[in-house]
Amino acid sequence: MAVDPISGHLMFAGGDSFSETVDSQGNNVPHWSANNGTWLWDGATWTRVADNPRQGGYPALALDNATGQLLLSSPDIRGVMTTDDLEGSGPPWYGQGAYRWTGTGWTPVPQGASVSFMLDSAAAYDPISRRLVQFGGTSQAPNDETQAYDGGGWRLLQPSTVPPAGSALAATDESTDEIVMITYSVDHPDLTSTWTWNGSNWVRHILNEPPQDVLNGHRGQMLWDPAINKIVLVGFGGDNSLRMWVWAGISYGWQQLPA
């Protein structure tokens, strides 16, 4: 989710879900949900305002403060015909791209030839370098690339420290001008790991963290809440109940809010 600078409303962009069944001849039959679309929250009601530009992909959505553009990036996985294709083998994905919001729909933005757009990647604005930074996700394998958008296009970055590949969530801590990100942990497979971006590199922080469930099933959301001046993370705990955490900084880490 992100705030739409044009309407001033909170925006959510949904993706397609994929499943398959076996027919009477033993063949795998793919099923795609409808394009869940782009939605705006006016304080009382969600309103569907547009189709997403790509079918599927659990798109990354973030505001680029430097250009004032709300950007969305996502692959298009309509070319995937079985669940095995999602995990390694099979045909290339249908396409991918990045888009900006015009107020009524999505229009493409330039992208570099070496840049990829993934399922379940994390994106947030970096006030230090004045670029939108995107990390991770998965295509037909987990991805650990860091990419940046500077208003003219996307390019691949080469930080010296690389977080573990896979699904991630990120938001900008406006009190410190740092991007805060959680992704799968390399030292404890049941937990997430927390990182900050210092303008050129990722920094790992060892602290109490939300469980990995917040990244499972593409269900977590993470964004800056100006009412409390903290990043808020909404996800699911190990018992599959909805939970919330706030980021209290590198000295205190994540603090779970009462249910």
Protein backbone atom coordinates (compact mmCIF):
# COMPACT_ATOMS: atom_id res chain seq x y z
CA MET A 1 0.00 0.00 0.00
CA ALA A 2 0.97 3.64 -0.49
CA VAL A 3 -0.59 7.10 -0.44
CA ASP A 4 -1.70 8.40 -3.84
CA PRO A 5 -0.29 11.96 -4.17
CA ILE A 6 -2.99 12.88 -6.69
CA SER A 7 -6.08 12.03 -4.63
CA GLY A 8 -4.45 11.97 -1.21
CA HIS A 9 -6.06 8.60 -0.56
CA LEU A 10 -4.50 5.30 0.47
CA MET A 11 -3.95 2.97 -2.48
CA PHE A 12 -3.85 -0.82 -2.64
CA ALA A 13 -2.96 -2.80 -5.77
CA GLY A 14 -3.99 -6.47 -5.73
CA GLY A 15 -2.63 -9.29 -7.86
CA ASP A 16 -3.87 -12.51 -9.36
CA SER A 17 -3.69 -15.85 -7.59
CA PHE A 18 -2.82 -19.06 -9.39
CA SER A 19 -3.99 -22.60 -8.70
CA GLU A 20 -4.40 -25.80 -10.64
CA THR A 21 -6.61 -28.85 -10.63
CA VAL A 22 -6.36 -32.22 -12.35
CA ASP A 23 -9.00 -33.07 -14.97
CA SER A 24 -10.48 -36.52 -15.67
CA GLN A 25 -7.60 -37.32 -18.05
CA GLY A 26 -4.99 -36.51 -15.44
CA ASN A 27 -3.96 -33.20 -17.00
CA ASN A 28 -3.07 -30.14 -14.94
CA VAL A 29 -5.56 -27.32 -15.54
CA PRO A 30 -4.47 -23.80 -14.52
CA HIS A 31 -6.88 -21.36 -12.92
CA TRP A 32 -6.41 -17.61 -12.63
CA SER A 33 -8.46 -15.25 -10.49
CA ALA A 34 -9.78 -12.02 -11.96
CA ASN A 35 -7.49 -8.99 -11.95
CA ASN A 36 -8.06 -7.67 -8.44
CA GLY A 37 -7.19 -4.19 -9.59
CA THR A 38 -6.22 -0.87 -8.03
CA TRP A 39 -8.24 0.45 -5.09
CA LEU A 40 -8.44 3.74 -3.17
CA TRP A 41 -9.52 4.20 0.46
CA ASP A 42 -11.31 7.49 1.20
CA GLY A 43 -11.47 6.98 4.96
CA ALA A 44 -14.67 4.98 4.87
CA THR A 45 -14.86 2.93 1.66
CA TRP A 46 -12.59 1.07 -0.75
CA THR A 47 -13.30 1.96 -4.40
CA ARG A 48 -11.87 0.05 -7.36
CA VAL A 49 -10.46 2.72 -9.69
CA ALA A 50 -8.48 0.80 -12.34
CA ASP A 51 -7.17 -2.52 -13.59
CA ASN A 52 -3.60 -3.41 -12.74
CA PRO A 53 -1.33 -3.17 -15.80
CA ARG A 54 -0.16 -6.76 -15.37
CA GLN A 55 -2.03 -9.94 -14.55
CA GLY A 56 -0.61 -11.29 -11.33
CA GLY A 57 2.60 -10.77 -9.52
CA TYR A 58 1.65 -9.31 -6.11
CA PRO A 59 3.02 -5.97 -7.26
CA ALA A 60 5.35 -3.70 -5.31
CA LEU A 61 3.81 -0.24 -4.82
CA ALA A 62 5.64 2.83 -3.52
CA LEU A 63 5.72 6.63 -3.82
CA ASP A 64 8.84 8.14 -5.38
CA ASN A 65 9.06 11.41 -3.43
CA ALA A 66 11.72 12.83 -5.74
CA THR A 67 9.44 12.77 -8.79
CA GLY A 68 6.06 12.72 -7.03
CA GLN A 69 5.19 9.55 -8.94
CA LEU A 70 3.40 6.57 -7.48
CA LEU A 71 5.13 3.54 -9.02
CA LEU A 72 4.08 -0.07 -9.37
CA SER A 73 6.27 -2.95 -10.56
CA SER A 74 5.16 -6.49 -11.32
CA PRO A 75 5.74 -9.49 -13.56
CA ASP A 76 2.94 -10.93 -15.66
CA ILE A 77 2.60 -14.67 -15.11
CA ARG A 78 -0.17 -15.56 -17.54
CA GLY A 79 2.39 -17.64 -19.48
CA VAL A 80 2.80 -19.95 -16.47
CA MET A 81 0.75 -23.07 -16.96
CA THR A 82 1.54 -25.18 -13.87
CA THR A 83 2.73 -24.56 -10.33
CA ASP A 84 6.04 -26.20 -11.26
CA ASP A 85 6.62 -23.32 -13.69
CA LEU A 86 6.48 -20.91 -10.77
CA GLU A 87 9.37 -22.68 -9.05
CA GLY A 88 12.00 -23.15 -11.73
CA SER A 89 11.14 -25.10 -14.87
CA GLY A 90 8.75 -24.16 -17.61
CA PRO A 91 8.29 -21.29 -20.06
CA PRO A 92 9.47 -17.72 -19.47
CA TRP A 93 6.97 -15.43 -17.86
CA TYR A 94 4.67 -13.46 -20.11
CA GLY A 95 6.28 -10.12 -19.40
CA GLN A 96 7.21 -7.61 -16.75
CA GLY A 97 7.42 -3.90 -16.24
CA ALA A 98 7.12 -0.81 -14.08
CA TYR A 99 4.37 1.80 -14.25
CA ARG A 100 3.38 5.17 -12.78
CA TRP A 101 -0.08 6.24 -11.69
CA THR A 102 -1.69 9.04 -13.76
CA GLY A 103 -4.72 9.54 -11.54
CA THR A 104 -6.93 7.34 -13.72
CA GLY A 105 -4.65 4.46 -14.79
CA TRP A 106 -1.13 3.08 -15.13
CA THR A 107 1.38 4.09 -17.82
CA PRO A 108 4.83 2.50 -18.41
CA VAL A 109 8.07 4.07 -17.16
CA PRO A 110 11.55 3.37 -18.63
CA GLN A 111 13.34 0.29 -17.39
CA GLY A 112 16.92 -0.91 -17.74
CA ALA A 113 17.72 -4.02 -19.73
CA SER A 114 19.30 -5.73 -16.70
CA VAL A 115 16.47 -4.97 -14.29
CA SER A 116 13.88 -7.59 -13.32
CA PHE A 117 10.51 -7.18 -11.63
CA MET A 118 9.45 -9.93 -9.28
CA LEU A 119 6.60 -11.42 -7.31
CA ASP A 120 6.57 -10.16 -3.73
CA SER A 121 9.43 -7.67 -3.92
CA ALA A 122 9.82 -4.72 -1.53
CA ALA A 123 9.99 -1.06 -2.60
CA ALA A 124 10.44 2.18 -0.66
CA TYR A 125 11.79 5.69 -1.20
CA ASP A 126 15.36 6.46 -0.10
CA PRO A 127 15.63 10.14 1.00
CA ILE A 128 19.44 9.88 1.14
CA SER A 129 20.03 9.04 -2.52
CA ARG A 130 16.63 10.46 -3.62
CA ARG A 131 15.75 7.26 -5.44
CA LEU A 132 13.13 4.58 -5.15
CA VAL A 133 14.82 1.35 -4.04
CA GLN A 134 13.46 -2.13 -4.71
CA PHE A 135 14.71 -5.46 -3.37
CA GLY A 136 14.14 -9.17 -3.74
CA GLY A 137 11.02 -11.11 -4.56
CA THR A 138 10.90 -14.21 -6.71
CA SER A 139 10.52 -15.07 -10.36
CA GLN A 140 11.22 -18.72 -11.03
CA ALA A 141 13.74 -18.62 -8.19
CA PRO A 142 14.25 -16.32 -5.16
CA ASN A 143 15.87 -13.01 -6.08
CA ASP A 144 18.38 -10.91 -4.10
CA GLU A 145 18.82 -7.95 -6.45
CA THR A 146 18.69 -4.33 -5.32
CA GLN A 147 17.40 -1.90 -7.94
CA ALA A 148 16.86 1.86 -7.99
CA TYR A 149 14.63 4.24 -9.95
CA ASP A 150 15.91 7.81 -10.41
CA GLY A 151 13.09 9.26 -12.48
CA GLY A 152 14.72 8.36 -15.77
CA GLY A 153 14.74 4.61 -15.43
CA TRP A 154 15.68 1.63 -13.31
CA ARG A 155 19.20 0.33 -12.80
CA LEU A 156 20.78 -2.54 -10.90
CA LEU A 157 22.79 -1.62 -7.79
CA GLN A 158 25.72 -3.55 -6.33
CA PRO A 159 25.65 -3.22 -2.51
CA SER A 160 28.49 -4.97 -0.69
CA THR A 161 26.04 -6.61 1.74
CA VAL A 162 23.15 -8.56 0.23
CA PRO A 163 20.09 -9.68 2.27
CA PRO A 164 18.75 -13.21 1.77
CA ALA A 165 16.86 -13.76 -1.46
CA GLY A 166 13.09 -14.00 -1.45
CA SER A 167 9.95 -12.19 -0.37
CA ALA A 168 10.37 -8.86 1.42
CA LEU A 169 8.48 -5.84 2.77
CA ALA A 170 9.87 -2.31 3.15
CA ALA A 171 8.92 1.22 4.18
CA THR A 172 10.71 4.52 4.76
CA ASP A 173 11.31 5.57 8.37
CA GLU A 174 10.75 9.31 7.98
CA SER A 175 12.22 9.99 11.43
CA THR A 176 15.65 8.69 10.35
CA ASP A 177 15.42 8.84 6.50
CA GLU A 178 16.25 5.13 6.34
CA ILE A 179 14.48 2.35 4.50
CA VAL A 180 13.53 -0.47 6.88
CA MET A 181 13.03 -3.91 5.34
CA ILE A 182 12.19 -7.40 6.54
CA THR A 183 12.93 -10.55 4.54
CA TYR A 184 13.58 -14.21 5.25
CA SER A 185 16.31 -14.85 7.81
CA VAL A 186 19.51 -16.66 6.86
CA ASP A 187 20.24 -17.61 10.48
CA HIS A 188 16.76 -18.72 11.59
CA PRO A 189 14.39 -20.12 8.94
CA ASP A 190 11.28 -19.58 11.07
CA LEU A 191 11.82 -15.82 11.45
CA THR A 192 12.36 -12.75 9.37
CA SER A 193 15.53 -10.65 9.30
CA THR A 194 15.52 -6.86 9.57
CA TRP A 195 17.67 -4.54 7.47
CA THR A 196 18.09 -0.82 6.90
CA TRP A 197 19.37 0.91 3.76
CA ASN A 198 21.95 3.65 4.36
CA GLY A 199 21.85 5.10 0.86
CA SER A 200 24.34 2.66 -0.65
CA ASN A 201 24.31 -0.55 1.37
CA TRP A 202 22.12 -2.88 3.45
CA VAL A 203 22.79 -3.14 7.21
CA ARG A 204 21.59 -6.16 9.23
CA HIS A 205 20.11 -5.62 12.70
CA ILE A 206 19.87 -8.43 15.25
CA LEU A 207 16.73 -7.90 17.33
CA ASN A 208 13.32 -9.33 18.11
CA GLU A 209 11.41 -9.69 14.85
CA PRO A 210 7.94 -10.65 13.60
CA PRO A 211 7.49 -14.31 12.55
CA GLN A 212 7.95 -15.43 8.97
CA ASP A 213 4.17 -15.74 8.62
CA VAL A 214 4.00 -12.01 7.82
CA LEU A 215 5.71 -12.81 4.51
CA ASN A 216 3.94 -16.08 3.76
CA GLY A 217 0.99 -15.93 1.41
CA HIS A 218 1.72 -12.36 0.25
CA ARG A 219 -0.42 -11.03 3.08
CA GLY A 220 1.78 -8.51 4.90
CA GLN A 221 1.66 -4.73 4.51
CA MET A 222 4.19 -2.22 5.82
CA LEU A 223 4.02 1.59 5.68
CA TRP A 224 4.80 4.81 7.53
CA ASP A 225 2.01 6.07 9.82
CA PRO A 226 2.27 9.87 10.24
CA ALA A 227 -0.22 9.81 13.12
CA ILE A 228 2.26 7.99 15.40
CA ASN A 229 5.49 8.78 13.48
CA LYS A 230 6.39 5.11 13.15
CA ILE A 231 6.42 2.35 10.57
CA VAL A 232 3.49 -0.03 11.06
CA LEU A 233 3.60 -3.66 9.94
CA VAL A 234 0.37 -5.63 9.54
CA GLY A 235 0.60 -9.39 9.05
CA PHE A 236 -0.25 -12.77 10.50
CA GLY A 237 1.22 -14.54 13.50
CA GLY A 238 1.98 -18.22 13.85
CA ASP A 239 -1.64 -18.95 14.82
CA ASN A 240 -2.83 -17.26 11.59
CA SER A 241 -4.37 -14.35 13.51
CA LEU A 242 -4.02 -10.76 12.30
CA ARG A 243 -1.30 -8.87 14.20
CA MET A 244 0.40 -5.49 14.13
CA TRP A 245 3.89 -4.31 14.97
CA VAL A 246 5.57 -0.90 15.06
CA TRP A 247 9.22 -0.18 14.27
CA ALA A 248 10.75 1.58 17.29
CA GLY A 249 14.21 2.03 15.76
CA ILE A 250 17.39 -0.05 15.80
CA SER A 251 17.74 0.29 19.58
CA TYR A 252 14.31 -1.23 20.35
CA GLY A 253 13.35 -3.12 17.20
CA TRP A 254 9.84 -4.35 16.49
CA GLN A 255 7.16 -3.98 19.14
CA GLN A 256 3.95 -5.96 18.81
CA LEU A 257 0.76 -4.02 19.48
CA PRO A 258 -1.99 -5.48 21.68
CA ALA A 259 -4.63 -7.45 19.81
